[in-house]
PDB file of N, CA and C in Angstrom:
ATOM      1  N   MET A   1      15.054 -20.284 -14.210  1.00  0.00           N
ATOM      2  CA  MET A   1      14.116 -19.786 -12.958  1.00  0.00           C
ATOM      3  C   MET A   1      14.020 -20.946 -12.163  1.00  0.00           C
ATOM      4  N   THR A   2      14.429 -20.626 -10.865  1.00  0.00           N
ATOM      5  CA  THR A   2      14.159 -21.450  -9.694  1.00  0.00           C
ATOM      6  C   THR A   2      12.582 -21.984  -9.560  1.00  0.00           C
ATOM      7  N   ASP A   3      12.492 -23.226  -9.062  1.00  0.00           N
ATOM      8  CA  ASP A   3      11.162 -23.740  -8.796  1.00  0.00           C
ATOM      9  C   ASP A   3      10.742 -23.203  -7.554  1.00  0.00           C
ATOM     10  N   THR A   4      11.458 -23.016  -6.662  1.00  0.00           N
ATOM     11  CA  THR A   4      11.043 -22.662  -5.300  1.00  0.00           C
ATOM     12  C   THR A   4      11.995 -21.429  -4.827  1.00  0.00           C
ATOM     13  N   ALA A   5      11.443 -20.444  -4.064  1.00  0.00           N
ATOM     14  CA  ALA A   5      12.257 -19.357  -3.707  1.00  0.00           C
ATOM     15  C   ALA A   5      11.297 -18.826  -2.496  1.00  0.00           C
ATOM     16  N   PHE A   6      11.933 -17.940  -1.587  1.00  0.00           N
ATOM     17  CA  PHE A   6      11.209 -16.987  -0.755  1.00  0.00           C
ATOM     18  C   PHE A   6      11.154 -15.554  -1.329  1.00  0.00           C
ATOM     19  N   ARG A   7       9.993 -15.140  -1.622  1.00  0.00           N
ATOM     20  CA  ARG A   7       9.726 -13.770  -2.407  1.00  0.00           C
ATOM     21  C   ARG A   7       9.436 -12.694  -1.184  1.00  0.00           C
ATOM     22  N   VAL A   8       9.860 -11.666  -1.510  1.00  0.00           N
ATOM     23  CA  VAL A   8       9.610 -10.494  -0.725  1.00  0.00           C
ATOM     24  C   VAL A   8       9.068  -9.397  -1.490  1.00  0.00           C
ATOM     25  N   MET A   9       7.993  -8.697  -1.299  1.00  0.00           N
ATOM     26  CA  MET A   9       7.481  -7.661  -2.117  1.00  0.00           C
ATOM     27  C   MET A   9       7.268  -6.524  -1.150  1.00  0.00           C
ATOM     28  N   LEU A  10       7.920  -5.388  -1.506  1.00  0.00           N
ATOM     29  CA  LEU A  10       7.682  -4.052  -0.826  1.00  0.00           C
ATOM     30  C   LEU A  10       6.925  -2.984  -1.658  1.00  0.00           C
ATOM     31  N   ARG A  11       6.226  -2.291  -0.984  1.00  0.00           N
ATOM     32  CA  ARG A  11       5.556  -1.252  -1.548  1.00  0.00           C
ATOM     33  C   ARG A  11       6.167   0.153  -0.992  1.00  0.00           C
ATOM     34  N   PHE A  12       6.528   1.007  -1.951  1.00  0.00           N
ATOM     35  CA  PHE A  12       7.021   2.290  -1.331  1.00  0.00           C
ATOM     36  C   PHE A  12       6.222   3.441  -1.931  1.00  0.00           C
ATOM     37  N   ASP A  13       5.666   4.325  -0.934  1.00  0.00           N
ATOM     38  CA  ASP A  13       4.933   5.648  -1.294  1.00  0.00           C
ATOM     39  C   ASP A  13       5.952   6.525  -1.213  1.00  0.00           C
ATOM     40  N   ILE A  14       6.258   7.200  -2.412  1.00  0.00           N
ATOM     41  CA  ILE A  14       7.278   8.138  -2.598  1.00  0.00           C
ATOM     42  C   ILE A  14       6.601   9.425  -2.660  1.00  0.00           C
ATOM     43  N   ASN A  15       7.252  10.617  -1.934  1.00  0.00           N
ATOM     44  CA  ASN A  15       6.730  11.888  -1.757  1.00  0.00           C
ATOM     45  C   ASN A  15       6.900  12.495  -3.362  1.00  0.00           C
ATOM     46  N   PRO A  16       5.766  13.290  -3.717  1.00  0.00           N
ATOM     47  CA  PRO A  16       5.687  13.627  -4.956  1.00  0.00           C
ATOM     48  C   PRO A  16       6.882  14.488  -5.341  1.00  0.00           C
ATOM     49  N   GLY A  17       7.388  14.493  -6.610  1.00  0.00           N
ATOM     50  CA  GLY A  17       8.452  15.219  -7.064  1.00  0.00           C
ATOM     51  C   GLY A  17       9.982  14.616  -6.633  1.00  0.00           C
ATOM     52  N   MET A  18       9.851  13.523  -5.973  1.00  0.00           N
ATOM     53  CA  MET A  18      11.218  12.851  -5.421  1.00  0.00           C
ATOM     54  C   MET A  18      11.333  11.413  -6.358  1.00  0.00           C
ATOM     55  N   GLU A  19      10.563  11.146  -7.043  1.00  0.00           N
ATOM     56  CA  GLU A  19      10.691   9.933  -8.028  1.00  0.00           C
ATOM     57  C   GLU A  19      11.942   9.536  -8.496  1.00  0.00           C
ATOM     58  N   ASP A  20      12.523  10.458  -9.217  1.00  0.00           N
ATOM     59  CA  ASP A  20      13.650  10.525  -9.721  1.00  0.00           C
ATOM     60  C   ASP A  20      14.852   9.992  -9.068  1.00  0.00           C
ATOM     61  N   GLY A  21      14.882  10.780  -7.835  1.00  0.00           N
ATOM     62  CA  GLY A  21      15.987  10.489  -6.737  1.00  0.00           C
ATOM     63  C   GLY A  21      15.958   9.413  -6.218  1.00  0.00           C
ATOM     64  N   PHE A  22      14.646   8.943  -5.964  1.00  0.00           N
ATOM     65  CA  PHE A  22      14.279   7.521  -5.401  1.00  0.00           C
ATOM     66  C   PHE A  22      14.943   6.455  -6.511  1.00  0.00           C
ATOM     67  N   GLU A  23      14.397   6.625  -7.826  1.00  0.00           N
ATOM     68  CA  GLU A  23      14.905   5.599  -8.507  1.00  0.00           C
ATOM     69  C   GLU A  23      16.509   5.429  -8.567  1.00  0.00           C
ATOM     70  N   GLN A  24      17.133   6.594  -8.708  1.00  0.00           N
ATOM     71  CA  GLN A  24      18.700   6.823  -8.756  1.00  0.00           C
ATOM     72  C   GLN A  24      19.346   6.237  -7.593  1.00  0.00           C
ATOM     73  N   THR A  25      18.726   6.522  -6.590  1.00  0.00           N
ATOM     74  CA  THR A  25      19.309   5.910  -5.176  1.00  0.00           C
ATOM     75  C   THR A  25      19.038   4.581  -5.091  1.00  0.00           C
ATOM     76  N   TRP A  26      17.935   4.093  -5.599  1.00  0.00           N
ATOM     77  CA  TRP A  26      17.901   2.550  -5.507  1.00  0.00           C
ATOM     78  C   TRP A  26      18.771   1.848  -6.282  1.00  0.00           C
ATOM     79  N   HIS A  27      18.697   2.363  -7.530  1.00  0.00           N
ATOM     80  CA  HIS A  27      19.702   1.801  -8.523  1.00  0.00           C
ATOM     81  C   HIS A  27      21.255   1.843  -7.769  1.00  0.00           C
ATOM     82  N   SER A  28      21.547   2.834  -7.476  1.00  0.00           N
ATOM     83  CA  SER A  28      23.028   3.105  -6.861  1.00  0.00           C
ATOM     84  C   SER A  28      23.098   2.224  -5.725  1.00  0.00           C
ATOM     85  N   ILE A  29      22.501   1.794  -4.981  1.00  0.00           N
ATOM     86  CA  ILE A  29      22.696   0.799  -3.869  1.00  0.00           C
ATOM     87  C   ILE A  29      22.012  -0.565  -4.128  1.00  0.00           C
ATOM     88  N   GLY A  30      21.524  -0.808  -5.179  1.00  0.00           N
ATOM     89  CA  GLY A  30      20.873  -2.224  -5.355  1.00  0.00           C
ATOM     90  C   GLY A  30      22.016  -3.448  -5.119  1.00  0.00           C
ATOM     91  N   ASN A  31      23.183  -3.334  -5.361  1.00  0.00           N
ATOM     92  CA  ASN A  31      24.006  -4.283  -5.275  1.00  0.00           C
ATOM     93  C   ASN A  31      24.286  -4.656  -3.737  1.00  0.00           C
ATOM     94  N   VAL A  32      23.865  -3.887  -2.632  1.00  0.00           N
ATOM     95  CA  VAL A  32      23.754  -4.298  -1.322  1.00  0.00           C
ATOM     96  C   VAL A  32      22.986  -5.555  -1.124  1.00  0.00           C
ATOM     97  N   ILE A  33      21.880  -5.686  -2.005  1.00  0.00           N
ATOM     98  CA  ILE A  33      20.966  -6.696  -1.847  1.00  0.00           C
ATOM     99  C   ILE A  33      21.560  -7.890  -2.837  1.00  0.00           C
ATOM    100  N   THR A  34      21.753  -7.547  -4.167  1.00  0.00           N
ATOM    101  CA  THR A  34      22.108  -8.630  -5.136  1.00  0.00           C
ATOM    102  C   THR A  34      23.593  -9.308  -4.815  1.00  0.00           C
ATOM    103  N   GLU A  35      24.397  -8.668  -4.055  1.00  0.00           N
ATOM    104  CA  GLU A  35      25.543  -9.170  -3.678  1.00  0.00           C
ATOM    105  C   GLU A  35      25.661 -10.166  -2.472  1.00  0.00           C
ATOM    106  N   HIS A  36      24.506 -10.215  -1.741  1.00  0.00           N
ATOM    107  CA  HIS A  36      24.222 -11.216  -0.639  1.00  0.00           C
ATOM    108  C   HIS A  36      24.232 -12.636  -1.362  1.00  0.00           C
ATOM    109  N   PRO A  37      24.796 -13.495  -0.829  1.00  0.00           N
ATOM    110  CA  PRO A  37      24.840 -14.804  -1.372  1.00  0.00           C
ATOM    111  C   PRO A  37      23.517 -15.707  -1.459  1.00  0.00           C
ATOM    112  N   ALA A  38      22.515 -15.181  -0.754  1.00  0.00           N
ATOM    113  CA  ALA A  38      21.400 -15.961  -0.520  1.00  0.00           C
ATOM    114  C   ALA A  38      20.184 -15.252  -1.575  1.00  0.00           C
ATOM    115  N   ASN A  39      20.784 -13.920  -2.277  1.00  0.00           N
ATOM    116  CA  ASN A  39      19.777 -13.260  -3.135  1.00  0.00           C
ATOM    117  C   ASN A  39      19.700 -14.095  -4.483  1.00  0.00           C
ATOM    118  N   LEU A  40      18.644 -14.250  -5.068  1.00  0.00           N
ATOM    119  CA  LEU A  40      18.475 -14.853  -6.352  1.00  0.00           C
ATOM    120  C   LEU A  40      18.166 -13.780  -7.345  1.00  0.00           C
ATOM    121  N   GLY A  41      17.760 -12.511  -6.989  1.00  0.00           N
ATOM    122  CA  GLY A  41      17.650 -11.347  -7.895  1.00  0.00           C
ATOM    123  C   GLY A  41      16.625 -10.359  -7.157  1.00  0.00           C
ATOM    124  N   GLN A  42      16.517  -9.250  -7.825  1.00  0.00           N
ATOM    125  CA  GLN A  42      15.507  -8.155  -7.347  1.00  0.00           C
ATOM    126  C   GLN A  42      15.122  -7.419  -8.466  1.00  0.00           C
ATOM    127  N   TRP A  43      13.899  -6.697  -8.381  1.00  0.00           N
ATOM    128  CA  TRP A  43      13.358  -5.685  -9.500  1.00  0.00           C
ATOM    129  C   TRP A  43      12.812  -4.483  -8.843  1.00  0.00           C
ATOM    130  N   LEU A  44      12.890  -3.531  -9.505  1.00  0.00           N
ATOM    131  CA  LEU A  44      12.169  -2.236  -9.126  1.00  0.00           C
ATOM    132  C   LEU A  44      11.116  -1.868 -10.158  1.00  0.00           C
ATOM    133  N   LEU A  45       9.995  -1.926  -9.725  1.00  0.00           N
ATOM    134  CA  LEU A  45       8.703  -1.781 -10.416  1.00  0.00           C
ATOM    135  C   LEU A  45       8.001  -0.299 -10.106  1.00  0.00           C
ATOM    136  N   LYS A  46       7.360   0.386 -11.161  1.00  0.00           N
ATOM    137  CA  LYS A  46       6.711   1.538 -10.793  1.00  0.00           C
ATOM    138  C   LYS A  46       5.173   1.307 -11.105  1.00  0.00           C
ATOM    139  N   ASP A  47       4.429   1.387 -10.301  1.00  0.00           N
ATOM    140  CA  ASP A  47       3.116   1.379 -10.535  1.00  0.00           C
ATOM    141  C   ASP A  47       2.617   2.221 -11.879  1.00  0.00           C
ATOM    142  N   SER A  48       1.678   1.358 -12.875  1.00  0.00           N
ATOM    143  CA  SER A  48       1.373   2.093 -13.888  1.00  0.00           C
ATOM    144  C   SER A  48       0.194   3.109 -13.981  1.00  0.00           C
ATOM    145  N   GLU A  49      -0.526   3.192 -12.554  1.00  0.00           N
ATOM    146  CA  GLU A  49      -1.560   4.135 -12.608  1.00  0.00           C
ATOM    147  C   GLU A  49      -1.455   5.172 -11.342  1.00  0.00           C
ATOM    148  N   LYS A  50      -0.550   4.657 -10.510  1.00  0.00           N
ATOM    149  CA  LYS A  50      -0.136   5.638  -9.316  1.00  0.00           C
ATOM    150  C   LYS A  50       1.328   6.049  -9.604  1.00  0.00           C
ATOM    151  N   ASP A  51       1.377   7.370  -9.857  1.00  0.00           N
ATOM    152  CA  ASP A  51       2.716   8.146 -10.208  1.00  0.00           C
ATOM    153  C   ASP A  51       3.585   7.933  -9.103  1.00  0.00           C
ATOM    154  N   HIS A  52       3.380   7.858  -7.844  1.00  0.00           N
ATOM    155  CA  HIS A  52       4.258   7.969  -6.624  1.00  0.00           C
ATOM    156  C   HIS A  52       4.440   6.504  -5.894  1.00  0.00           C
ATOM    157  N   THR A  53       3.984   5.718  -6.402  1.00  0.00           N
ATOM    158  CA  THR A  53       3.986   4.263  -5.906  1.00  0.00           C
ATOM    159  C   THR A  53       4.996   3.289  -6.762  1.00  0.00           C
ATOM    160  N   TYR A  54       5.983   2.785  -5.929  1.00  0.00           N
ATOM    161  CA  TYR A  54       6.839   1.771  -6.344  1.00  0.00           C
ATOM    162  C   TYR A  54       6.651   0.529  -5.696  1.00  0.00           C
ATOM    163  N   TYR A  55       7.148  -0.711  -6.493  1.00  0.00           N
ATOM    164  CA  TYR A  55       7.367  -1.964  -5.663  1.00  0.00           C
ATOM    165  C   TYR A  55       8.768  -2.464  -5.933  1.00  0.00           C
ATOM    166  N   VAL A  56       9.139  -3.108  -4.976  1.00  0.00           N
ATOM    167  CA  VAL A  56      10.330  -3.987  -4.934  1.00  0.00           C
ATOM    168  C   VAL A  56      10.019  -5.297  -4.794  1.00  0.00           C
ATOM    169  N   ILE A  57      10.541  -6.129  -5.833  1.00  0.00           N
ATOM    170  CA  ILE A  57      10.475  -7.731  -5.451  1.00  0.00           C
ATOM    171  C   ILE A  57      11.949  -8.276  -5.513  1.00  0.00           C
ATOM    172  N   SER A  58      12.135  -9.072  -4.406  1.00  0.00           N
ATOM    173  CA  SER A  58      13.383  -9.649  -4.350  1.00  0.00           C
ATOM    174  C   SER A  58      13.125 -11.123  -4.005  1.00  0.00           C
ATOM    175  N   ASP A  59      13.932 -11.954  -4.579  1.00  0.00           N
ATOM    176  CA  ASP A  59      13.956 -13.661  -4.391  1.00  0.00           C
ATOM    177  C   ASP A  59      15.076 -13.951  -3.574  1.00  0.00           C
ATOM    178  N   TRP A  60      14.810 -15.020  -2.616  1.00  0.00           N
ATOM    179  CA  TRP A  60      15.872 -15.471  -1.946  1.00  0.00           C
ATOM    180  C   TRP A  60      15.754 -17.023  -1.629  1.00  0.00           C
ATOM    181  N   VAL A  61      16.857 -17.633  -1.555  1.00  0.00           N
ATOM    182  CA  VAL A  61      16.932 -19.036  -1.476  1.00  0.00           C
ATOM    183  C   VAL A  61      15.892 -19.616  -0.396  1.00  0.00           C
ATOM    184  N   ASP A  62      15.817 -18.945   0.759  1.00  0.00           N
ATOM    185  CA  ASP A  62      14.889 -19.380   1.972  1.00  0.00           C
ATOM    186  C   ASP A  62      14.592 -18.136   2.908  1.00  0.00           C
ATOM    187  N   GLU A  63      13.690 -18.277   3.597  1.00  0.00           N
ATOM    188  CA  GLU A  63      13.215 -17.267   4.499  1.00  0.00           C
ATOM    189  C   GLU A  63      14.484 -16.943   5.443  1.00  0.00           C
ATOM    190  N   PRO A  64      14.971 -18.094   6.245  1.00  0.00           N
ATOM    191  CA  PRO A  64      16.086 -17.808   7.323  1.00  0.00           C
ATOM    192  C   PRO A  64      17.353 -16.902   6.709  1.00  0.00           C
ATOM    193  N   ARG A  65      17.640 -17.186   5.498  1.00  0.00           N
ATOM    194  CA  ARG A  65      18.641 -16.166   4.983  1.00  0.00           C
ATOM    195  C   ARG A  65      18.151 -14.972   4.614  1.00  0.00           C
ATOM    196  N   PHE A  66      16.914 -14.832   4.214  1.00  0.00           N
ATOM    197  CA  PHE A  66      16.312 -13.241   3.923  1.00  0.00           C
ATOM    198  C   PHE A  66      16.552 -12.628   5.270  1.00  0.00           C
ATOM    199  N   ARG A  67      15.844 -13.462   6.492  1.00  0.00           N
ATOM    200  CA  ARG A  67      15.909 -12.643   7.730  1.00  0.00           C
ATOM    201  C   ARG A  67      17.248 -12.190   8.133  1.00  0.00           C
ATOM    202  N   GLU A  68      18.086 -12.955   7.922  1.00  0.00           N
ATOM    203  CA  GLU A  68      19.664 -12.786   8.320  1.00  0.00           C
ATOM    204  C   GLU A  68      19.911 -11.412   7.539  1.00  0.00           C
ATOM    205  N   PHE A  69      19.710 -11.405   6.419  1.00  0.00           N
ATOM    206  CA  PHE A  69      20.036 -10.072   5.496  1.00  0.00           C
ATOM    207  C   PHE A  69      19.264  -8.953   6.170  1.00  0.00           C
ATOM    208  N   GLU A  70      18.076  -9.194   6.202  1.00  0.00           N
ATOM    209  CA  GLU A  70      17.071  -8.027   6.958  1.00  0.00           C
ATOM    210  C   GLU A  70      17.485  -7.350   7.966  1.00  0.00           C
ATOM    211  N   HIS A  71      18.273  -8.089   8.763  1.00  0.00           N
ATOM    212  CA  HIS A  71      18.681  -7.333  10.067  1.00  0.00           C
ATOM    213  C   HIS A  71      20.153  -7.254   9.945  1.00  0.00           C
ATOM    214  N   SER A  72      20.880  -7.188   8.805  1.00  0.00           N
ATOM    215  CA  SER A  72      22.192  -6.957   8.812  1.00  0.00           C
ATOM    216  C   SER A  72      22.399  -5.325   8.745  1.00  0.00           C
ATOM    217  N   ASP A  73      23.850  -4.953   9.024  1.00  0.00           N
ATOM    218  CA  ASP A  73      24.149  -3.590   8.905  1.00  0.00           C
ATOM    219  C   ASP A  73      23.923  -3.218   7.564  1.00  0.00           C
ATOM    220  N   GLY A  74      24.414  -3.828   6.458  1.00  0.00           N
ATOM    221  CA  GLY A  74      24.171  -3.347   5.151  1.00  0.00           C
ATOM    222  C   GLY A  74      22.746  -3.044   4.575  1.00  0.00           C
ATOM    223  N   HIS A  75      21.717  -3.747   5.249  1.00  0.00           N
ATOM    224  CA  HIS A  75      20.480  -3.529   4.902  1.00  0.00           C
ATOM    225  C   HIS A  75      19.809  -2.387   5.664  1.00  0.00           C
ATOM    226  N   VAL A  76      20.491  -2.099   6.793  1.00  0.00           N
ATOM    227  CA  VAL A  76      19.920  -0.985   7.774  1.00  0.00           C
ATOM    228  C   VAL A  76      20.486   0.313   6.838  1.00  0.00           C
ATOM    229  N   GLU A  77      21.802   0.408   6.584  1.00  0.00           N
ATOM    230  CA  GLU A  77      22.287   1.444   5.569  1.00  0.00           C
ATOM    231  C   GLU A  77      21.407   1.756   4.432  1.00  0.00           C
ATOM    232  N   HIS A  78      21.025   0.687   3.659  1.00  0.00           N
ATOM    233  CA  HIS A  78      20.282   0.638   2.498  1.00  0.00           C
ATOM    234  C   HIS A  78      19.079   1.259   2.735  1.00  0.00           C
ATOM    235  N   ARG A  79      18.135   1.112   3.769  1.00  0.00           N
ATOM    236  CA  ARG A  79      16.983   1.594   4.365  1.00  0.00           C
ATOM    237  C   ARG A  79      16.996   3.176   4.434  1.00  0.00           C
ATOM    238  N   LYS A  80      18.136   3.407   5.354  1.00  0.00           N
ATOM    239  CA  LYS A  80      18.496   4.687   5.507  1.00  0.00           C
ATOM    240  C   LYS A  80      18.500   5.719   4.287  1.00  0.00           C
ATOM    241  N   LYS A  81      19.186   5.254   3.399  1.00  0.00           N
ATOM    242  CA  LYS A  81      19.213   5.949   2.222  1.00  0.00           C
ATOM    243  C   LYS A  81      18.054   6.146   1.247  1.00  0.00           C
ATOM    244  N   LEU A  82      17.021   5.293   1.600  1.00  0.00           N
ATOM    245  CA  LEU A  82      15.954   5.498   0.832  1.00  0.00           C
ATOM    246  C   LEU A  82      14.730   6.054   1.650  1.00  0.00           C
ATOM    247  N   HIS A  83      14.838   6.195   2.883  1.00  0.00           N
ATOM    248  CA  HIS A  83      13.897   6.725   3.701  1.00  0.00           C
ATOM    249  C   HIS A  83      13.583   8.086   3.426  1.00  0.00           C
ATOM    250  N   PRO A  84      14.172   8.965   3.133  1.00  0.00           N
ATOM    251  CA  PRO A  84      13.928  10.439   2.747  1.00  0.00           C
ATOM    252  C   PRO A  84      13.028  10.528   1.718  1.00  0.00           C
ATOM    253  N   TYR A  85      12.939   9.592   0.785  1.00  0.00           N
ATOM    254  CA  TYR A  85      12.012   9.732  -0.487  1.00  0.00           C
ATOM    255  C   TYR A  85      10.689   9.301  -0.181  1.00  0.00           C
ATOM    256  N   ARG A  86      10.319   8.534   1.030  1.00  0.00           N
ATOM    257  CA  ARG A  86       9.202   7.787   1.109  1.00  0.00           C
ATOM    258  C   ARG A  86       8.228   8.417   2.363  1.00  0.00           C
ATOM    259  N   HIS A  87       7.106   8.192   2.315  1.00  0.00           N
ATOM    260  CA  HIS A  87       6.060   8.606   3.338  1.00  0.00           C
ATOM    261  C   HIS A  87       5.231   7.386   3.603  1.00  0.00           C
ATOM    262  N   GLY A  88       5.510   6.393   3.207  1.00  0.00           N
ATOM    263  CA  GLY A  88       4.790   5.108   3.660  1.00  0.00           C
ATOM    264  C   GLY A  88       5.148   3.817   2.691  1.00  0.00           C
ATOM    265  N   GLY A  89       4.450   2.793   3.289  1.00  0.00           N
ATOM    266  CA  GLY A  89       4.764   1.424   2.394  1.00  0.00           C
ATOM    267  C   GLY A  89       4.220   0.434   3.178  1.00  0.00           C
ATOM    268  N   ALA A  90       4.684  -0.848   2.601  1.00  0.00           N
ATOM    269  CA  ALA A  90       4.201  -1.991   3.288  1.00  0.00           C
ATOM    270  C   ALA A  90       5.135  -3.096   2.696  1.00  0.00           C
ATOM    271  N   MET A  91       5.164  -4.176   3.420  1.00  0.00           N
ATOM    272  CA  MET A  91       5.988  -5.424   2.879  1.00  0.00           C
ATOM    273  C   MET A  91       5.215  -6.748   2.960  1.00  0.00           C
ATOM    274  N   TRP A  92       5.247  -7.703   2.128  1.00  0.00           N
ATOM    275  CA  TRP A  92       4.592  -8.857   2.089  1.00  0.00           C
ATOM    276  C   TRP A  92       5.781 -10.029   1.802  1.00  0.00           C
ATOM    277  N   THR A  93       5.598 -11.066   2.483  1.00  0.00           N
ATOM    278  CA  THR A  93       6.535 -12.091   2.180  1.00  0.00           C
ATOM    279  C   THR A  93       5.708 -13.573   1.701  1.00  0.00           C
ATOM    280  N   MET A  94       6.209 -14.180   0.827  1.00  0.00           N
ATOM    281  CA  MET A  94       5.555 -15.386   0.377  1.00  0.00           C
ATOM    282  C   MET A  94       6.567 -16.424  -0.173  1.00  0.00           C
ATOM    283  N   ASN A  95       6.095 -17.597  -0.319  1.00  0.00           N
ATOM    284  CA  ASN A  95       6.908 -18.741  -1.051  1.00  0.00           C
ATOM    285  C   ASN A  95       6.276 -18.974  -2.245  1.00  0.00           C
ATOM    286  N   VAL A  96       7.309 -19.166  -3.386  1.00  0.00           N
ATOM    287  CA  VAL A  96       6.910 -19.571  -4.666  1.00  0.00           C
ATOM    288  C   VAL A  96       6.709 -21.035  -4.451  1.00  0.00           C
ATOM    289  N   VAL A  97       5.520 -21.416  -5.136  1.00  0.00           N
ATOM    290  CA  VAL A  97       5.145 -22.734  -5.201  1.00  0.00           C
ATOM    291  C   VAL A  97       5.388 -23.411  -6.314  1.00  0.00           C
ATOM    292  N   TYR A  98       5.031 -22.744  -7.574  1.00  0.00           N
ATOM    293  CA  TYR A  98       5.381 -23.353  -8.789  1.00  0.00           C
ATOM    294  C   TYR A  98       5.733 -22.041  -9.688  1.00  0.00           C
ATOM    295  N   ALA A  99       6.998 -22.307 -10.485  1.00  0.00           N
ATOM    296  CA  ALA A  99       7.055 -21.209 -11.513  1.00  0.00           C
ATOM    297  C   ALA A  99       7.243 -22.023 -12.923  1.00  0.00           C
ATOM    298  N   PHE A 100       6.742 -21.203 -13.788  1.00  0.00           N
ATOM    299  CA  PHE A 100       6.628 -21.517 -15.313  1.00  0.00           C
ATOM    300  C   PHE A 100       7.354 -20.579 -16.080  1.00  0.00           C
ATOM    301  N   ARG A 101       8.257 -20.842 -16.920  1.00  0.00           N
ATOM    302  CA  ARG A 101       9.008 -20.068 -17.871  1.00  0.00           C
ATOM    303  C   ARG A 101       8.234 -19.709 -19.131  1.00  0.00           C
ATOM    304  N   GLY A 102       7.872 -18.465 -19.501  1.00  0.00           N
ATOM    305  CA  GLY A 102       6.952 -18.291 -20.615  1.00  0.00           C
ATOM    306  C   GLY A 102       7.641 -18.502 -21.903  1.00  0.00           C
ATOM    307  N   ALA A 103       6.792 -18.525 -23.026  1.00  0.00           N
ATOM    308  CA  ALA A 103       7.350 -18.955 -24.275  1.00  0.00           C
ATOM    309  C   ALA A 103       8.381 -17.986 -24.729  1.00  0.00           C
ATOM    310  N   ALA A 104       8.154 -16.749 -24.409  1.00  0.00           N
ATOM    311  CA  ALA A 104       9.007 -15.546 -24.860  1.00  0.00           C
ATOM    312  C   ALA A 104      10.379 -15.757 -24.275  1.00  0.00           C
ATOM    313  N   ALA A 105      10.348 -16.159 -23.118  1.00  0.00           N
ATOM    314  CA  ALA A 105      11.832 -16.187 -22.137  1.00  0.00           C
ATOM    315  C   ALA A 105      12.631 -17.524 -22.637  1.00  0.00           C
ATOM    316  N   ARG A 106      11.783 -18.476 -23.209  1.00  0.00           N
ATOM    317  CA  ARG A 106      12.574 -19.463 -23.761  1.00  0.00           C
ATOM    318  C   ARG A 106      13.007 -19.535 -25.107  1.00  0.00           C
ATOM    319  N   VAL A 107      12.784 -18.430 -26.007  1.00  0.00           N
ATOM    320  CA  VAL A 107      13.259 -18.198 -27.345  1.00  0.00           C
ATOM    321  C   VAL A 107      14.625 -17.791 -27.287  1.00  0.00           C
ATOM    322  N   PRO A 108      15.649 -18.443 -28.018  1.00  0.00           N
ATOM    323  CA  PRO A 108      17.029 -18.004 -28.021  1.00  0.00           C
ATOM    324  C   PRO A 108      16.933 -16.551 -28.647  1.00  0.00           C
ATOM    325  N   GLN A 109      17.832 -15.625 -28.207  1.00  0.00           N
ATOM    326  CA  GLN A 109      17.864 -14.365 -28.779  1.00  0.00           C
ATOM    327  C   GLN A 109      18.938 -14.070 -29.701  1.00  0.00           C
TER     328      GLN A 109
END
């Protein structure tokens, strides 16, 4: 795990009954993000208490490279494919200050 990163967290409020379609679409186009040379990884998370709420976390080498991606044609197309599933959301950005790898992650498999 890298010690520093620029982290982006998105909240997606999904239209009821469209969760499976959202998940499948996100999964099918996820490589648009992970193939960008500045992307460190991304995760799709489903809220454990709100059935229609999802989060996406993505880590980037730095903010300028993320902003470059954010305004790219590939990302615009990515957003268009997800838009029909959602009725709201939010975005937060932050900088990782410290990162510790947990004991379970350090155990050889």
